[in-house]
Amino acid sequence: MASEGGSTGYIVHHLTPLSVGGGFWTLHLDTLFFSAVLGALFIWFFKSVAEKVTTGVPGLAQNFAEMMIEFVDQQVKDTFHGESKLIAPLGLTIFCWVFLWNMMDLLPVDLLSIISSLMGVEYLRVVPSTDLNATFALSISVFILIIFYSIKIKGVFGFAKELTCTPFGPWMMPFNLLLKVVEEIAKPISLALRLFGNLYAGELIFILIALLPAFLQPFLSFPWAIFHILIIVLQAFIFMVLTIVYLSMAHEDH
């Protein structure tokens, strides 16, 4: 497929989403589809493990699920200083879902594109985290939770006071508000752009490797895939930890 339309056409083809609509109301169908499938896979796996859990010698699946739950629970205990039954399940969901998003980047570049073209689908973008819409949707969801818990824990007056009276006191109210608004808006933007940027760059490198002569591809794609696994895990971990940190800050009642 690399020769179709030249190198530029090949890159554009792989980075163009399957979409419907126009403007603000454009829907990226491939991102929605793969996000839903991967989310359902996560739910199915943990549900099936929970239904078959045993107090005896656990199987491989139960060992893995318990390891993941203990890992996330430890991060919550170390980072989150409030009391909430939502944070640990949320952290587990975010870590596993983003990890599965990122893992799609390890599939051969042309594999699903060839299959989709045989089905009459011209464009297909298989890595949800390389779609800025997906990363922003997840980060904005976290941002909504931050605002919700800030108001719930501190009250409307307490939250308003925090926005207008810190860090320089009430006599610097306009400046305080400007700083706090920038600080709060920076949270979802940094979450979304960090995940998007790292995975987009990784996907682009895989595409560029696919443009090289066939005899060179194994010598470059395999080492990059090994290194990219670290990026995949690290980005899922960072998104989860920052979510826990931000929600912990929202629970702090000054």
Protein backbone atom coordinates (compact mmCIF):
# COMPACT_ATOMS: atom_id res chain seq x y z
CA MET A 1 0.00 0.00 0.00
CA ALA A 2 3.00 2.30 0.48
CA SER A 3 3.26 2.99 -3.21
CA GLU A 4 -0.34 4.13 -3.62
CA GLY A 5 -0.32 7.90 -4.01
CA GLY A 6 3.32 8.19 -2.96
CA SER A 7 4.74 8.58 0.54
CA THR A 8 2.67 11.65 1.38
CA GLY A 9 -0.55 10.01 0.24
CA TYR A 10 0.29 6.89 2.25
CA ILE A 11 0.87 8.90 5.44
CA VAL A 12 -2.25 11.01 4.96
CA HIS A 13 -4.30 7.88 4.27
CA HIS A 14 -3.25 6.27 7.57
CA LEU A 15 -3.77 9.43 9.60
CA THR A 16 -7.22 10.25 8.16
CA PRO A 17 -10.14 9.08 10.33
CA LEU A 18 -13.33 7.45 9.12
CA SER A 19 -15.77 10.28 9.77
CA VAL A 20 -19.29 11.49 9.12
CA GLY A 21 -20.81 14.95 9.44
CA GLY A 22 -18.99 18.24 9.18
CA GLY A 23 -17.47 20.98 11.28
CA PHE A 24 -18.02 20.75 15.02
CA TRP A 25 -20.46 17.86 14.59
CA THR A 26 -18.00 15.58 12.78
CA LEU A 27 -17.98 12.09 14.28
CA HIS A 28 -14.89 9.88 13.99
CA LEU A 29 -16.57 6.50 13.64
CA ASP A 30 -13.36 4.49 13.90
CA THR A 31 -12.39 6.14 17.20
CA LEU A 32 -15.87 5.56 18.63
CA PHE A 33 -15.92 1.94 17.42
CA PHE A 34 -12.50 0.90 18.73
CA SER A 35 -13.01 2.79 22.00
CA ALA A 36 -16.30 0.97 22.57
CA VAL A 37 -14.85 -2.43 21.64
CA LEU A 38 -11.81 -1.98 23.89
CA GLY A 39 -13.97 -0.69 26.74
CA ALA A 40 -16.26 -3.72 26.38
CA LEU A 41 -13.20 -6.00 26.35
CA PHE A 42 -11.99 -4.46 29.62
CA ILE A 43 -15.41 -4.88 31.27
CA TRP A 44 -15.81 -8.45 30.00
CA PHE A 45 -12.38 -9.52 31.24
CA PHE A 46 -12.74 -8.19 34.78
CA LYS A 47 -16.38 -9.35 35.00
CA SER A 48 -15.46 -12.88 33.92
CA VAL A 49 -12.58 -12.98 36.41
CA ALA A 50 -14.87 -11.74 39.20
CA GLU A 51 -17.44 -14.44 38.43
CA LYS A 52 -14.81 -17.19 38.53
CA VAL A 53 -12.76 -15.88 41.47
CA THR A 54 -11.50 -18.54 43.85
CA THR A 55 -9.86 -18.53 47.28
CA GLY A 56 -7.72 -21.48 46.23
CA VAL A 57 -4.88 -21.44 43.75
CA PRO A 58 -5.74 -18.59 41.34
CA GLY A 59 -5.40 -18.92 37.61
CA LEU A 60 -3.38 -16.67 35.32
CA ALA A 61 -6.32 -14.35 34.62
CA GLN A 62 -7.18 -13.93 38.31
CA ASN A 63 -3.53 -13.31 39.16
CA PHE A 64 -3.33 -10.60 36.51
CA ALA A 65 -6.61 -8.95 37.59
CA GLU A 66 -5.59 -8.98 41.28
CA MET A 67 -2.18 -7.56 40.38
CA MET A 68 -3.79 -4.71 38.44
CA ILE A 69 -6.28 -3.95 41.22
CA GLU A 70 -3.57 -3.97 43.90
CA PHE A 71 -1.32 -1.79 41.75
CA VAL A 72 -4.00 0.86 41.22
CA ASP A 73 -5.17 0.64 44.84
CA GLN A 74 -1.62 1.32 46.01
CA GLN A 75 -1.36 4.37 43.78
CA VAL A 76 -4.63 5.69 45.22
CA LYS A 77 -3.45 5.11 48.81
CA ASP A 78 -0.18 6.92 48.10
CA THR A 79 -1.72 9.85 46.21
CA PHE A 80 -5.35 10.36 47.19
CA HIS A 81 -5.93 11.93 50.61
CA GLY A 82 -9.71 12.11 50.65
CA GLU A 83 -12.44 9.52 51.05
CA SER A 84 -14.22 8.28 47.95
CA LYS A 85 -15.31 4.89 46.62
CA LEU A 86 -15.09 6.19 43.06
CA ILE A 87 -11.38 6.99 42.77
CA ALA A 88 -9.90 3.46 42.72
CA PRO A 89 -12.39 2.06 40.14
CA LEU A 90 -11.95 5.24 38.08
CA GLY A 91 -8.17 4.91 38.20
CA LEU A 92 -8.34 1.25 37.17
CA THR A 93 -10.73 2.03 34.31
CA ILE A 94 -8.62 4.91 32.99
CA PHE A 95 -5.36 2.96 33.19
CA CYS A 96 -6.71 -0.17 31.47
CA TRP A 97 -8.75 1.70 28.86
CA VAL A 98 -5.92 4.07 27.86
CA PHE A 99 -3.48 1.14 27.87
CA LEU A 100 -5.74 -0.79 25.47
CA TRP A 101 -6.09 2.32 23.30
CA ASN A 102 -2.32 2.60 23.11
CA MET A 103 -1.76 -1.13 22.50
CA MET A 104 -3.55 -0.81 19.16
CA ASP A 105 -0.43 1.02 17.99
CA LEU A 106 1.50 -2.28 18.06
CA LEU A 107 -0.66 -3.86 15.35
CA PRO A 108 0.99 -3.93 11.90
CA VAL A 109 0.36 -0.59 10.21
CA ASP A 110 -1.44 -1.99 7.16
CA LEU A 111 -3.24 -4.96 8.76
CA LEU A 112 -6.62 -3.46 9.63
CA SER A 113 -6.42 -0.99 6.74
CA ILE A 114 -6.24 -3.84 4.24
CA ILE A 115 -9.11 -5.67 5.93
CA SER A 116 -11.25 -2.52 6.00
CA SER A 117 -10.50 -1.75 2.34
CA LEU A 118 -11.77 -5.21 1.41
CA MET A 119 -15.00 -4.29 3.19
CA GLY A 120 -15.29 -1.04 1.25
CA VAL A 121 -14.03 1.26 4.02
CA GLU A 122 -11.47 3.69 2.61
CA TYR A 123 -10.12 5.27 5.80
CA LEU A 124 -9.54 3.64 9.17
CA ARG A 125 -7.60 5.01 12.12
CA VAL A 126 -7.23 2.23 14.68
CA VAL A 127 -5.48 3.95 17.60
CA PRO A 128 -8.00 6.05 19.57
CA SER A 129 -5.28 7.89 21.51
CA THR A 130 -3.92 9.34 18.24
CA ASP A 131 -7.26 11.13 17.86
CA LEU A 132 -7.28 14.44 19.72
CA ASN A 133 -11.06 14.19 20.06
CA ALA A 134 -10.74 10.99 22.12
CA THR A 135 -8.01 12.26 24.44
CA PHE A 136 -9.86 15.54 25.02
CA ALA A 137 -13.14 13.72 25.65
CA LEU A 138 -11.48 11.64 28.38
CA SER A 139 -9.63 14.60 29.91
CA ILE A 140 -12.76 16.79 29.89
CA SER A 141 -14.63 14.00 31.69
CA VAL A 142 -11.94 14.09 34.37
CA PHE A 143 -12.17 17.90 34.47
CA ILE A 144 -15.93 17.71 35.08
CA LEU A 145 -15.28 15.37 38.01
CA ILE A 146 -12.70 17.81 39.38
CA ILE A 147 -15.20 20.68 39.33
CA PHE A 148 -17.96 18.45 40.75
CA TYR A 149 -15.91 17.29 43.73
CA SER A 150 -14.45 20.77 44.32
CA ILE A 151 -17.99 22.12 44.74
CA LYS A 152 -19.22 19.05 46.65
CA ILE A 153 -16.39 19.06 49.21
CA LYS A 154 -15.84 22.81 49.60
CA GLY A 155 -19.31 24.09 48.80
CA VAL A 156 -20.14 26.73 46.22
CA PHE A 157 -18.91 29.55 48.48
CA GLY A 158 -15.72 27.69 49.44
CA PHE A 159 -14.93 26.90 45.82
CA ALA A 160 -15.60 30.49 44.75
CA LYS A 161 -13.41 31.72 47.59
CA GLU A 162 -10.60 29.42 46.49
CA LEU A 163 -10.88 30.74 42.93
CA THR A 164 -10.82 34.41 43.91
CA CYS A 165 -8.83 34.63 47.15
CA THR A 166 -5.83 32.36 46.59
CA PRO A 167 -2.91 32.65 46.48
CA PHE A 168 -2.60 36.41 47.10
CA GLY A 169 -5.65 37.23 49.22
CA PRO A 170 -8.94 39.02 48.45
CA TRP A 171 -7.24 42.32 47.56
CA MET A 172 -5.85 40.63 44.41
CA MET A 173 -9.15 39.01 43.41
CA PRO A 174 -9.03 39.59 39.61
CA PHE A 175 -5.44 38.38 39.38
CA ASN A 176 -6.19 35.36 41.60
CA LEU A 177 -9.17 34.42 39.44
CA LEU A 178 -7.11 34.68 36.26
CA LEU A 179 -4.38 32.46 37.71
CA LYS A 180 -6.87 29.85 38.96
CA VAL A 181 -8.79 29.75 35.68
CA VAL A 182 -5.55 29.20 33.74
CA GLU A 183 -4.46 26.56 36.28
CA GLU A 184 -7.73 24.64 36.06
CA ILE A 185 -8.02 24.81 32.27
CA ALA A 186 -4.41 23.65 31.94
CA LYS A 187 -5.29 20.32 33.62
CA PRO A 188 -7.49 18.80 30.89
CA ILE A 189 -5.41 20.40 28.13
CA SER A 190 -2.15 18.92 29.45
CA LEU A 191 -3.75 15.50 30.00
CA ALA A 192 -5.15 15.39 26.47
CA LEU A 193 -2.16 16.81 24.60
CA ARG A 194 0.44 14.69 26.44
CA LEU A 195 -1.31 11.43 25.57
CA PHE A 196 -2.15 12.52 22.03
CA GLY A 197 1.32 13.87 21.25
CA ASN A 198 3.25 10.82 22.41
CA LEU A 199 1.02 8.28 20.67
CA TYR A 200 0.66 10.34 17.49
CA ALA A 201 4.44 10.57 17.21
CA GLY A 202 4.78 6.83 17.83
CA GLU A 203 2.20 6.01 15.17
CA LEU A 204 3.88 8.34 12.69
CA ILE A 205 7.22 6.58 13.23
CA PHE A 206 5.62 3.19 12.56
CA ILE A 207 4.15 4.61 9.33
CA LEU A 208 7.53 6.00 8.27
CA ILE A 209 9.18 2.63 8.94
CA ALA A 210 6.52 0.98 6.75
CA LEU A 211 7.65 3.27 3.89
CA LEU A 212 11.19 1.90 4.01
CA PRO A 213 12.36 -1.04 1.88
CA ALA A 214 10.96 -4.36 3.13
CA PHE A 215 14.34 -5.79 4.15
CA LEU A 216 14.95 -2.86 6.52
CA GLN A 217 11.56 -2.85 8.24
CA PRO A 218 12.11 -5.77 10.69
CA PHE A 219 15.40 -4.26 11.91
CA LEU A 220 13.68 -0.98 12.78
CA SER A 221 10.07 -1.89 13.59
CA PHE A 222 10.89 -4.52 16.24
CA PRO A 223 13.27 -2.34 18.34
CA TRP A 224 10.86 0.60 18.05
CA ALA A 225 7.95 -1.62 19.11
CA ILE A 226 9.89 -2.76 22.20
CA PHE A 227 10.68 0.85 23.12
CA HIS A 228 7.13 1.93 22.31
CA ILE A 229 5.74 -0.56 24.85
CA LEU A 230 7.37 1.60 27.55
CA ILE A 231 5.65 4.68 26.14
CA ILE A 232 2.30 2.84 25.99
CA VAL A 233 2.44 1.81 29.65
CA LEU A 234 3.95 5.09 30.85
CA GLN A 235 1.31 7.27 29.18
CA ALA A 236 -1.53 5.19 30.65
CA PHE A 237 0.12 5.39 34.07
CA ILE A 238 0.67 9.16 33.86
CA PHE A 239 -2.94 9.80 32.83
CA MET A 240 -4.18 7.68 35.74
CA VAL A 241 -1.86 9.21 38.36
CA LEU A 242 -2.56 12.80 37.31
CA THR A 243 -6.29 12.09 37.44
CA ILE A 244 -5.92 10.81 41.02
CA VAL A 245 -3.74 13.80 41.97
CA TYR A 246 -6.21 16.32 40.53
CA LEU A 247 -9.15 14.66 42.27
CA SER A 248 -7.18 14.58 45.51
CA MET A 249 -6.61 18.32 45.20
CA ALA A 250 -10.34 18.77 44.59
CA HIS A 251 -11.06 16.92 47.87
CA GLU A 252 -8.79 19.16 49.93
CA ASP A 253 -10.99 21.42 52.06
CA HIS A 254 -8.99 24.46 53.09
